[in-house]
Amino acid sequence: MGNSFGNIAQAKLDQISTFLAPNKIVFGVGAAKQVGKEAGSFNAKRVLIITDQGVIKAGILGSIQESLKVLKIEADIFDGVIPEPPSVVIDECAQLARAGKYDVIIGVGGGSSLDTAKGVSLMAVNQGKVLDYAGIDLIPQRGLPKILLPTTAGTGSEVTRVFVITDEANNTKKAVYSNFALADVAIVDPLLTVSMPPVVTADTGIDALVHAIECFVSVNATPFSDLLALEAIRLIAENLPAAYAKGSNLAARYKMMLAATIAGMAFTSGGLGAVHGLAYVLGTEYHLSHGRSNAIMLPYVMDFNKIGSLDRYACIARAMGENVEGLSACQAAEMAVTAVKRLLAEVNISIKLGDYGVSRNDLPKLVEGGMQQTRLFATNPRDLQEADVEKIYLAAF
């Protein structure tokens, strides 16, 4: 295997790249105690904490509320976030935010809570409904300042310019892309992830891996996304099994949190691909978590894609610890698929659709749902037609 990452990076000499990230990232064990200080930097008197029942029950808000109380910042809580957030939840919470005259929005939780917080921050200031702004750069005004604290090492939502919402009327997912969706402050504290059960650790960890792999092979990959994505892949391959095996392993949690954050920064720069496109329908139709949906589709899409970017898939294999020396480009790329399947097995994730109650009779529904996400096919390293989508879903049975 003669081609190196250096050769791949050199192939982009004629590309102009853009890198986007939050204004500020506070990272480290105990960082959540900085919330009060960061809210105070916006002269906040009243803040709205947006979260879900799981975070409340896990007792995660304690140190956050205490840091606000010390600075005499009044904090109210909206805990009505639900998975794959419906647009109506964001619109209703935005009304509360406007009525409450809050100075800062604080999102605490997994991707659904952080995405809801982003939407509420923007819709507290902008007119209409959140679905009016689904698309790219349609938000006219900056929203309320927002501080985002992830409690899972997966979505990377704390560092991205996108949030995903469910359009209930059409039972599909839509995305809002805007620089105004970037966090004013992202506070990334590995301690907030220690209470995650193993299944959530696995699902969210593979979600971060999908972000890193998809943006690394994206046709829009940049030098920034390449560097961040490869390091995220390496960190996840080395540390997800340990975090899954022992939730209190703070070293593994720390490295997984770092991996998820830099993977989020990577795909903000380089984009995603067909794994996400084909996974969305599994969430809307079968109510699988976003991470699990991505995990199921990942090896099959990689297997389909690999001929479109053999050198990059070989780099992924190497980053996951595979020895590809002396292998052909095709053999080395195949090792990336093998490595991913092994990692999924280690964290007990089945990649057979039948294990999730999905029937072969559902194939037309799957294909129809997948084809609604063709926006994500454009950046894929291999073009997909409807017959290809059907073939990938069939392989997943």
Protein backbone atom coordinates (compact mmCIF):
# COMPACT_ATOMS: atom_id res chain seq x y z
CA MET A 1 0.00 0.00 0.00
CA GLY A 2 2.12 2.86 -1.26
CA ASN A 3 -0.20 5.87 -1.11
CA SER A 4 0.00 7.95 2.06
CA PHE A 5 -2.18 10.55 3.71
CA GLY A 6 0.42 13.11 2.66
CA ASN A 7 -0.20 12.32 -0.99
CA ILE A 8 -3.96 12.68 -0.50
CA ALA A 9 -3.56 16.05 1.21
CA GLN A 10 -1.37 17.33 -1.63
CA ALA A 11 -4.12 16.56 -4.13
CA LYS A 12 -6.12 19.51 -2.79
CA LEU A 13 -3.63 22.27 -3.58
CA ASP A 14 -6.11 24.12 -5.80
CA GLN A 15 -8.94 24.06 -3.24
CA ILE A 16 -10.05 27.03 -1.14
CA SER A 17 -11.27 25.74 2.22
CA THR A 18 -13.42 27.23 4.97
CA PHE A 19 -13.25 26.19 8.61
CA LEU A 20 -16.09 26.99 11.02
CA ALA A 21 -16.25 26.38 14.77
CA PRO A 22 -17.89 27.89 17.88
CA ASN A 23 -16.59 31.21 19.12
CA LYS A 24 -15.23 29.44 22.20
CA ILE A 25 -14.73 25.85 23.38
CA VAL A 26 -14.13 25.08 27.07
CA PHE A 27 -12.90 21.49 27.36
CA GLY A 28 -11.90 19.30 30.28
CA VAL A 29 -12.95 17.39 33.37
CA GLY A 30 -15.14 19.68 35.49
CA ALA A 31 -15.62 22.24 32.73
CA ALA A 32 -19.39 22.32 33.36
CA LYS A 33 -18.72 24.43 36.45
CA GLN A 34 -17.76 27.27 34.09
CA VAL A 35 -21.36 27.75 32.91
CA GLY A 36 -22.09 30.61 35.31
CA LYS A 37 -18.95 32.46 34.33
CA GLU A 38 -19.70 32.05 30.62
CA ALA A 39 -23.33 33.12 31.01
CA GLY A 40 -22.12 36.12 32.99
CA SER A 41 -19.91 37.14 30.07
CA PHE A 42 -23.16 37.91 28.20
CA ASN A 43 -24.41 39.96 31.18
CA ALA A 44 -27.10 37.33 31.69
CA LYS A 45 -29.70 37.86 34.39
CA ARG A 46 -32.12 35.11 33.28
CA VAL A 47 -31.26 31.94 31.38
CA LEU A 48 -33.36 29.09 29.99
CA ILE A 49 -31.86 25.62 30.33
CA ILE A 50 -33.13 23.29 27.60
CA THR A 51 -32.80 19.58 28.33
CA ASP A 52 -34.68 16.29 28.58
CA GLN A 53 -36.07 14.04 31.31
CA GLY A 54 -33.11 11.67 31.10
CA VAL A 55 -30.66 14.43 32.01
CA ILE A 56 -32.90 15.52 34.88
CA LYS A 57 -33.12 11.97 36.27
CA ALA A 58 -29.34 11.48 35.97
CA GLY A 59 -28.79 14.52 38.22
CA ILE A 60 -26.48 16.11 35.69
CA LEU A 61 -27.81 19.66 36.14
CA GLY A 62 -26.58 20.05 39.73
CA SER A 63 -23.16 21.60 39.11
CA ILE A 64 -24.56 23.68 36.24
CA GLN A 65 -27.35 25.18 38.34
CA GLU A 66 -24.96 25.80 41.23
CA SER A 67 -22.52 27.74 39.03
CA LEU A 68 -25.38 29.97 37.86
CA LYS A 69 -26.72 30.44 41.41
CA VAL A 70 -23.32 31.61 42.68
CA LEU A 71 -23.45 34.49 40.19
CA LYS A 72 -27.12 35.21 41.02
CA ILE A 73 -28.26 34.26 37.52
CA GLU A 74 -31.88 33.09 37.51
CA ALA A 75 -32.35 29.79 35.66
CA ASP A 76 -35.57 28.19 34.41
CA ILE A 77 -35.70 24.70 32.93
CA PHE A 78 -37.50 23.39 29.86
CA ASP A 79 -37.26 19.59 30.03
CA GLY A 80 -39.68 18.73 27.21
CA VAL A 81 -37.09 17.74 24.62
CA ILE A 82 -37.87 14.43 22.90
CA PRO A 83 -35.64 12.37 20.58
CA GLU A 84 -35.41 13.40 16.93
CA PRO A 85 -37.01 16.74 17.94
CA PRO A 86 -40.26 17.58 16.16
CA SER A 87 -40.44 21.11 14.81
CA VAL A 88 -43.47 21.85 17.01
CA VAL A 89 -41.39 21.36 20.18
CA ILE A 90 -38.88 23.98 19.01
CA ASP A 91 -41.62 26.42 18.02
CA GLU A 92 -43.43 26.03 21.35
CA CYS A 93 -40.26 26.41 23.40
CA ALA A 94 -39.28 29.48 21.36
CA GLN A 95 -42.57 31.08 22.40
CA LEU A 96 -41.65 30.42 26.03
CA ALA A 97 -38.22 31.93 25.46
CA ARG A 98 -39.71 35.09 23.97
CA ALA A 99 -42.29 35.42 26.74
CA GLY A 100 -39.70 34.82 29.46
CA LYS A 101 -37.34 37.48 28.11
CA TYR A 102 -34.30 35.26 28.66
CA ASP A 103 -30.83 36.57 27.97
CA VAL A 104 -29.10 33.27 27.21
CA ILE A 105 -30.14 29.78 26.10
CA ILE A 106 -28.24 26.85 27.68
CA GLY A 107 -28.57 23.45 26.01
CA VAL A 108 -27.66 20.38 28.10
CA GLY A 109 -27.97 16.84 26.77
CA GLY A 110 -27.52 14.72 23.69
CA GLY A 111 -27.94 15.84 20.12
CA SER A 112 -31.71 16.30 20.41
CA SER A 113 -31.38 18.70 23.35
CA LEU A 114 -28.57 20.66 21.72
CA ASP A 115 -30.38 20.87 18.39
CA THR A 116 -33.53 22.04 20.18
CA ALA A 117 -31.52 24.69 22.02
CA LYS A 118 -30.06 25.92 18.74
CA GLY A 119 -33.50 26.15 17.18
CA VAL A 120 -34.99 27.93 20.20
CA SER A 121 -32.12 30.41 20.30
CA LEU A 122 -32.77 31.35 16.68
CA MET A 123 -36.58 31.26 16.71
CA ALA A 124 -36.74 33.43 19.85
CA VAL A 125 -35.51 36.24 17.61
CA ASN A 126 -36.66 35.34 14.08
CA GLN A 127 -40.24 35.34 12.76
CA GLY A 128 -42.32 32.38 11.62
CA LYS A 129 -41.76 28.69 12.30
CA VAL A 130 -38.49 26.76 12.37
CA LEU A 131 -39.40 24.72 9.28
CA ASP A 132 -39.52 27.98 7.31
CA TYR A 133 -35.73 28.04 7.59
CA ALA A 134 -34.93 24.44 6.61
CA GLY A 135 -32.15 24.74 4.07
CA ILE A 136 -28.88 26.57 3.79
CA ASP A 137 -28.26 30.06 5.23
CA LEU A 138 -31.91 31.14 5.36
CA ILE A 139 -31.86 32.49 8.95
CA PRO A 140 -31.90 36.32 8.72
CA GLN A 141 -30.87 37.27 12.27
CA ARG A 142 -28.50 36.00 14.96
CA GLY A 143 -30.40 34.40 17.84
CA LEU A 144 -30.04 34.66 21.60
CA PRO A 145 -26.55 33.77 22.87
CA LYS A 146 -26.30 30.02 23.42
CA ILE A 147 -24.08 27.84 25.57
CA LEU A 148 -24.11 24.13 24.68
CA LEU A 149 -23.03 21.27 26.95
CA PRO A 150 -23.11 17.74 25.46
CA THR A 151 -23.82 14.80 27.76
CA THR A 152 -23.00 12.20 25.09
CA ALA A 153 -19.81 11.69 23.11
CA GLY A 154 -21.44 11.46 19.74
CA THR A 155 -23.39 14.06 17.83
CA GLY A 156 -20.87 16.91 17.88
CA SER A 157 -23.86 19.28 17.76
CA GLU A 158 -22.11 21.60 20.22
CA VAL A 159 -19.63 22.59 17.51
CA THR A 160 -21.65 22.44 14.26
CA ARG A 161 -23.62 24.95 12.20
CA VAL A 162 -26.52 22.60 11.59
CA PHE A 163 -29.47 21.24 13.53
CA VAL A 164 -31.87 18.53 12.41
CA ILE A 165 -35.61 18.56 13.05
CA THR A 166 -38.47 16.22 12.27
CA ASP A 167 -41.14 17.48 9.90
CA GLU A 168 -44.09 15.63 11.39
CA ALA A 169 -46.46 16.39 8.51
CA ASN A 170 -44.19 14.62 6.03
CA ASN A 171 -42.56 12.22 8.53
CA THR A 172 -39.09 13.18 7.37
CA LYS A 173 -36.04 14.94 8.73
CA LYS A 174 -34.97 18.39 7.64
CA ALA A 175 -31.83 20.35 8.42
CA VAL A 176 -31.22 24.03 9.10
CA TYR A 177 -27.71 25.21 8.19
CA SER A 178 -26.56 28.61 9.42
CA ASN A 179 -23.47 30.18 10.93
CA PHE A 180 -25.92 31.65 13.45
CA ALA A 181 -26.46 28.05 14.68
CA LEU A 182 -22.86 27.83 15.90
CA ALA A 183 -22.58 27.92 19.68
CA ASP A 184 -21.32 31.09 21.29
CA VAL A 185 -19.70 28.81 23.88
CA ALA A 186 -19.37 25.02 23.80
CA ILE A 187 -18.55 23.52 27.20
CA VAL A 188 -17.32 19.95 26.81
CA ASP A 189 -16.97 18.08 30.10
CA PRO A 190 -16.25 14.32 30.04
CA LEU A 191 -17.76 14.00 33.54
CA LEU A 192 -21.20 14.64 32.01
CA THR A 193 -20.93 11.40 30.00
CA VAL A 194 -20.03 9.01 32.84
CA SER A 195 -23.69 8.18 33.57
CA MET A 196 -24.37 7.08 29.97
CA PRO A 197 -25.49 3.43 29.85
CA PRO A 198 -23.47 1.10 27.61
CA VAL A 199 -26.03 1.08 24.78
CA VAL A 200 -26.03 4.89 24.56
CA THR A 201 -22.22 4.93 24.80
CA ALA A 202 -22.09 2.56 21.82
CA ASP A 203 -24.70 4.33 19.70
CA THR A 204 -23.32 7.83 20.22
CA GLY A 205 -19.71 6.70 19.84
CA ILE A 206 -20.45 5.11 16.47
CA ASP A 207 -22.35 8.26 15.47
CA ALA A 208 -19.11 10.20 16.00
CA LEU A 209 -17.21 7.59 13.99
CA VAL A 210 -19.69 7.97 11.11
CA HIS A 211 -19.16 11.75 11.16
CA ALA A 212 -15.40 11.27 10.94
CA ILE A 213 -15.47 8.61 8.22
CA GLU A 214 -18.07 10.35 6.06
CA CYS A 215 -16.33 13.71 6.05
CA PHE A 216 -12.93 12.10 5.42
CA VAL A 217 -14.17 10.48 2.20
CA SER A 218 -16.45 13.39 1.24
CA VAL A 219 -15.77 15.08 -2.08
CA ASN A 220 -15.84 18.33 -0.05
CA ALA A 221 -13.14 17.18 2.38
CA THR A 222 -10.74 19.95 3.40
CA PRO A 223 -7.27 19.93 4.99
CA PHE A 224 -8.97 20.84 8.28
CA SER A 225 -11.57 18.08 8.11
CA ASP A 226 -8.93 15.53 7.05
CA LEU A 227 -6.70 16.17 10.07
CA LEU A 228 -9.55 16.26 12.58
CA ALA A 229 -11.42 13.29 11.10
CA LEU A 230 -8.43 10.94 11.04
CA GLU A 231 -7.57 11.73 14.65
CA ALA A 232 -11.21 11.20 15.65
CA ILE A 233 -11.25 7.81 13.89
CA ARG A 234 -8.08 6.77 15.73
CA LEU A 235 -9.37 7.92 19.12
CA ILE A 236 -12.73 6.17 18.69
CA ALA A 237 -11.22 2.88 17.51
CA GLU A 238 -8.89 2.88 20.52
CA ASN A 239 -11.28 4.10 23.22
CA LEU A 240 -14.91 3.25 22.45
CA PRO A 241 -14.61 -0.40 23.57
CA ALA A 242 -13.09 0.70 26.89
CA ALA A 243 -15.77 3.37 27.47
CA TYR A 244 -18.44 0.79 26.62
CA ALA A 245 -16.93 -1.84 28.92
CA LYS A 246 -16.51 0.43 31.95
CA GLY A 247 -18.57 3.61 32.05
CA SER A 248 -16.52 5.07 34.89
CA ASN A 249 -13.30 4.86 32.86
CA LEU A 250 -12.67 8.61 32.81
CA ALA A 251 -9.61 8.39 30.54
CA ALA A 252 -11.67 6.62 27.86
CA ARG A 253 -14.57 9.06 28.37
CA TYR A 254 -12.18 12.01 28.00
CA LYS A 255 -10.78 10.72 24.71
CA MET A 256 -14.23 9.84 23.36
CA MET A 257 -15.48 13.34 24.22
CA LEU A 258 -12.50 14.84 22.41
CA ALA A 259 -13.11 12.55 19.42
CA ALA A 260 -16.80 13.45 19.16
CA THR A 261 -16.04 17.17 19.36
CA ILE A 262 -13.34 17.17 16.71
CA ALA A 263 -15.43 14.88 14.48
CA GLY A 264 -18.20 17.48 14.71
CA MET A 265 -15.75 20.21 13.75
CA ALA A 266 -14.54 18.01 10.89
CA PHE A 267 -17.92 17.46 9.26
CA THR A 268 -18.84 21.12 9.69
CA SER A 269 -15.93 21.72 7.34
CA GLY A 270 -16.13 18.63 5.09
CA GLY A 271 -19.76 17.51 5.05
CA LEU A 272 -21.44 14.13 5.45
CA GLY A 273 -22.70 11.51 2.99
CA ALA A 274 -24.93 8.57 2.15
CA VAL A 275 -24.73 6.84 5.54
CA HIS A 276 -26.71 9.69 7.06
CA GLY A 277 -28.96 9.84 4.01
CA LEU A 278 -29.97 6.18 4.26
CA ALA A 279 -30.10 6.15 8.08
CA TYR A 280 -32.66 8.92 8.52
CA VAL A 281 -35.61 6.76 7.42
CA LEU A 282 -34.73 4.18 10.09
CA GLY A 283 -35.18 6.90 12.70
CA THR A 284 -38.45 8.30 11.39
CA GLU A 285 -40.10 4.99 10.48
CA TYR A 286 -38.76 2.60 13.12
CA HIS A 287 -37.81 5.05 15.90
CA LEU A 288 -34.24 3.83 16.13
CA SER A 289 -31.80 6.28 17.67
CA HIS A 290 -29.81 8.42 15.26
CA GLY A 291 -26.56 6.74 16.29
CA ARG A 292 -27.94 3.21 15.93
CA SER A 293 -29.45 4.02 12.52
CA ASN A 294 -26.07 5.29 11.33
CA ALA A 295 -24.28 2.28 12.81
CA ILE A 296 -26.46 -0.19 10.93
CA MET A 297 -25.89 1.46 7.55
CA LEU A 298 -22.19 2.33 7.99
CA PRO A 299 -20.47 -0.91 6.84
CA TYR A 300 -22.80 -1.39 3.87
CA VAL A 301 -22.35 2.15 2.57
CA MET A 302 -18.58 1.89 3.11
CA ASP A 303 -18.53 -1.35 1.13
CA PHE A 304 -20.44 0.34 -1.70
CA ASN A 305 -18.35 3.53 -1.57
CA LYS A 306 -14.86 2.11 -1.29
CA ILE A 307 -14.07 1.90 -5.01
CA GLY A 308 -14.74 5.63 -5.22
CA SER A 309 -11.95 6.48 -2.78
CA LEU A 310 -9.63 3.51 -2.25
CA ASP A 311 -6.73 5.56 -0.86
CA ARG A 312 -8.89 7.31 1.71
CA TYR A 313 -10.50 4.09 2.90
CA ALA A 314 -7.00 2.66 3.23
CA CYS A 315 -6.11 5.63 5.47
CA ILE A 316 -9.18 4.86 7.59
CA ALA A 317 -8.05 1.25 7.98
CA ARG A 318 -4.62 2.43 9.11
CA ALA A 319 -6.14 4.91 11.58
CA MET A 320 -8.21 2.06 13.05
CA GLY A 321 -5.05 0.07 13.70
CA GLU A 322 -5.05 -2.25 10.68
CA ASN A 323 -1.74 -3.25 9.12
CA VAL A 324 -2.13 -2.43 5.43
CA GLU A 325 1.53 -2.60 4.43
CA GLY A 326 2.06 -4.63 1.28
CA LEU A 327 -1.64 -4.69 0.44
CA SER A 328 -3.15 -3.41 -2.79
CA ALA A 329 -5.31 -0.27 -2.56
CA CYS A 330 -8.43 -2.43 -2.90
CA GLN A 331 -7.34 -4.85 -0.17
CA ALA A 332 -6.41 -2.02 2.19
CA ALA A 333 -9.77 -0.30 1.63
CA GLU A 334 -11.53 -3.57 2.41
CA MET A 335 -9.70 -3.65 5.75
CA ALA A 336 -11.52 -0.44 6.74
CA VAL A 337 -14.87 -2.21 6.37
CA THR A 338 -13.53 -5.19 8.33
CA ALA A 339 -12.29 -2.92 11.14
CA VAL A 340 -15.65 -1.16 11.41
CA LYS A 341 -17.56 -4.47 11.56
CA ARG A 342 -15.23 -5.69 14.32
CA LEU A 343 -15.74 -2.50 16.34
CA LEU A 344 -19.53 -2.74 15.96
CA ALA A 345 -19.42 -6.34 17.20
CA GLU A 346 -17.27 -5.33 20.20
CA VAL A 347 -19.92 -2.83 21.33
CA ASN A 348 -22.76 -5.29 20.63
CA ILE A 349 -24.40 -3.47 17.72
CA SER A 350 -26.20 -5.71 15.24
CA ILE A 351 -26.02 -4.57 11.61
CA LYS A 352 -28.94 -6.76 10.47
CA LEU A 353 -32.13 -4.83 9.81
CA GLY A 354 -34.23 -7.86 10.70
CA ASP A 355 -32.99 -7.64 14.29
CA TYR A 356 -34.82 -4.31 14.59
CA GLY A 357 -38.18 -5.49 13.30
CA VAL A 358 -37.60 -4.26 9.77
CA SER A 359 -39.14 -6.58 7.19
CA ARG A 360 -38.04 -7.18 3.62
CA ASN A 361 -41.57 -6.12 2.70
CA ASP A 362 -40.57 -2.65 3.93
CA LEU A 363 -37.92 -2.30 1.21
CA PRO A 364 -39.98 0.09 -0.99
CA LYS A 365 -40.59 2.32 2.06
CA LEU A 366 -36.88 2.30 2.91
CA VAL A 367 -35.87 3.19 -0.63
CA GLU A 368 -38.45 5.96 -0.83
CA GLY A 369 -37.24 7.41 2.48
CA GLY A 370 -33.59 7.16 1.47
CA MET A 371 -34.24 8.89 -1.85
CA GLN A 372 -35.73 11.86 0.02
CA GLN A 373 -32.21 12.60 1.33
CA THR A 374 -30.41 12.90 -2.01
CA ARG A 375 -28.88 16.19 -0.80
CA LEU A 376 -26.49 13.98 1.17
CA PHE A 377 -25.57 11.92 -1.89
CA ALA A 378 -23.88 14.86 -3.62
CA THR A 379 -20.83 14.74 -1.34
CA ASN A 380 -20.59 10.95 -1.37
CA PRO A 381 -17.43 9.52 -3.01
CA ARG A 382 -19.58 7.31 -5.26
CA ASP A 383 -22.76 8.35 -7.06
CA LEU A 384 -25.96 6.58 -6.04
CA GLN A 385 -29.00 5.79 -8.15
CA GLU A 386 -32.25 4.37 -6.79
CA ALA A 387 -31.14 0.83 -7.72
CA ASP A 388 -27.96 1.33 -5.66
CA VAL A 389 -29.97 2.47 -2.65
CA GLU A 390 -32.14 -0.66 -2.94
CA LYS A 391 -29.03 -2.86 -3.19
CA ILE A 392 -27.51 -1.31 -0.04
CA TYR A 393 -30.68 -1.81 2.00
CA LEU A 394 -30.97 -5.40 0.71
CA ALA A 395 -27.41 -6.08 1.89
CA ALA A 396 -28.40 -4.85 5.34
CA PHE A 397 -30.95 -7.68 5.62
